[in-house]
């Protein structure tokens, strides 16, 4: 813990959150601009 501030871990964490957000938005039919 403590490696989420400025580093590969923070980038990966944001990437995972973004991918999950896209998958959830696609699954519910509520996407951003039709993604």
C-alpha atoms as a PDB file:
ATOM      1  CA  UNK A   1       0.000   0.000   0.000  1.00  0.00           C
ATOM      2  CA  UNK A   2       1.082   3.593  -0.483  1.00  0.00           C
ATOM      3  CA  UNK A   3       2.180   3.072  -4.088  1.00  0.00           C
ATOM      4  CA  UNK A   4      -0.969   4.535  -5.627  1.00  0.00           C
ATOM      5  CA  UNK A   5       0.347   8.107  -5.649  1.00  0.00           C
ATOM      6  CA  UNK A   6       2.341   8.876  -8.787  1.00  0.00           C
ATOM      7  CA  UNK A   7       3.512   5.618 -10.296  1.00  0.00           C
ATOM      8  CA  UNK A   8       2.670   2.588 -12.380  1.00  0.00           C
ATOM      9  CA  UNK A   9       0.184   1.384  -9.767  1.00  0.00           C
ATOM     10  CA  UNK A  10      -1.874   4.592  -9.917  1.00  0.00           C
ATOM     11  CA  UNK A  11      -1.907   4.484 -13.722  1.00  0.00           C
ATOM     12  CA  UNK A  12      -3.005   0.855 -13.725  1.00  0.00           C
ATOM     13  CA  UNK A  13      -5.641   1.565 -11.083  1.00  0.00           C
ATOM     14  CA  UNK A  14      -7.133   4.411 -13.138  1.00  0.00           C
ATOM     15  CA  UNK A  15      -7.021   2.229 -16.242  1.00  0.00           C
ATOM     16  CA  UNK A  16      -8.911  -0.570 -14.515  1.00  0.00           C
ATOM     17  CA  UNK A  17     -11.528   1.874 -13.212  1.00  0.00           C
ATOM     18  CA  UNK A  18     -11.955   3.370 -16.681  1.00  0.00           C
ATOM     19  CA  UNK A  19     -12.340  -0.037 -18.330  1.00  0.00           C
ATOM     20  CA  UNK A  20     -14.859  -1.115 -15.691  1.00  0.00           C
ATOM     21  CA  UNK A  21     -16.777   2.130 -16.221  1.00  0.00           C
ATOM     22  CA  UNK A  22     -16.928   1.512 -19.991  1.00  0.00           C
ATOM     23  CA  UNK A  23     -18.039  -2.101 -19.518  1.00  0.00           C
ATOM     24  CA  UNK A  24     -20.734  -1.086 -17.020  1.00  0.00           C
ATOM     25  CA  UNK A  25     -21.965   1.745 -19.246  1.00  0.00           C
ATOM     26  CA  UNK A  26     -22.089  -0.592 -22.244  1.00  0.00           C
ATOM     27  CA  UNK A  27     -23.896  -3.280 -20.253  1.00  0.00           C
ATOM     28  CA  UNK A  28     -26.591  -0.896 -19.004  1.00  0.00           C
ATOM     29  CA  UNK A  29     -26.977   0.840 -22.371  1.00  0.00           C
ATOM     30  CA  UNK A  30     -25.980   4.165 -20.809  1.00  0.00           C
ATOM     31  CA  UNK A  31     -22.704   4.950 -22.527  1.00  0.00           C
ATOM     32  CA  UNK A  32     -20.692   8.064 -23.249  1.00  0.00           C
ATOM     33  CA  UNK A  33     -21.516   9.146 -26.780  1.00  0.00           C
ATOM     34  CA  UNK A  34     -22.435   5.609 -27.808  1.00  0.00           C
ATOM     35  CA  UNK A  35     -19.267   3.814 -26.720  1.00  0.00           C
END
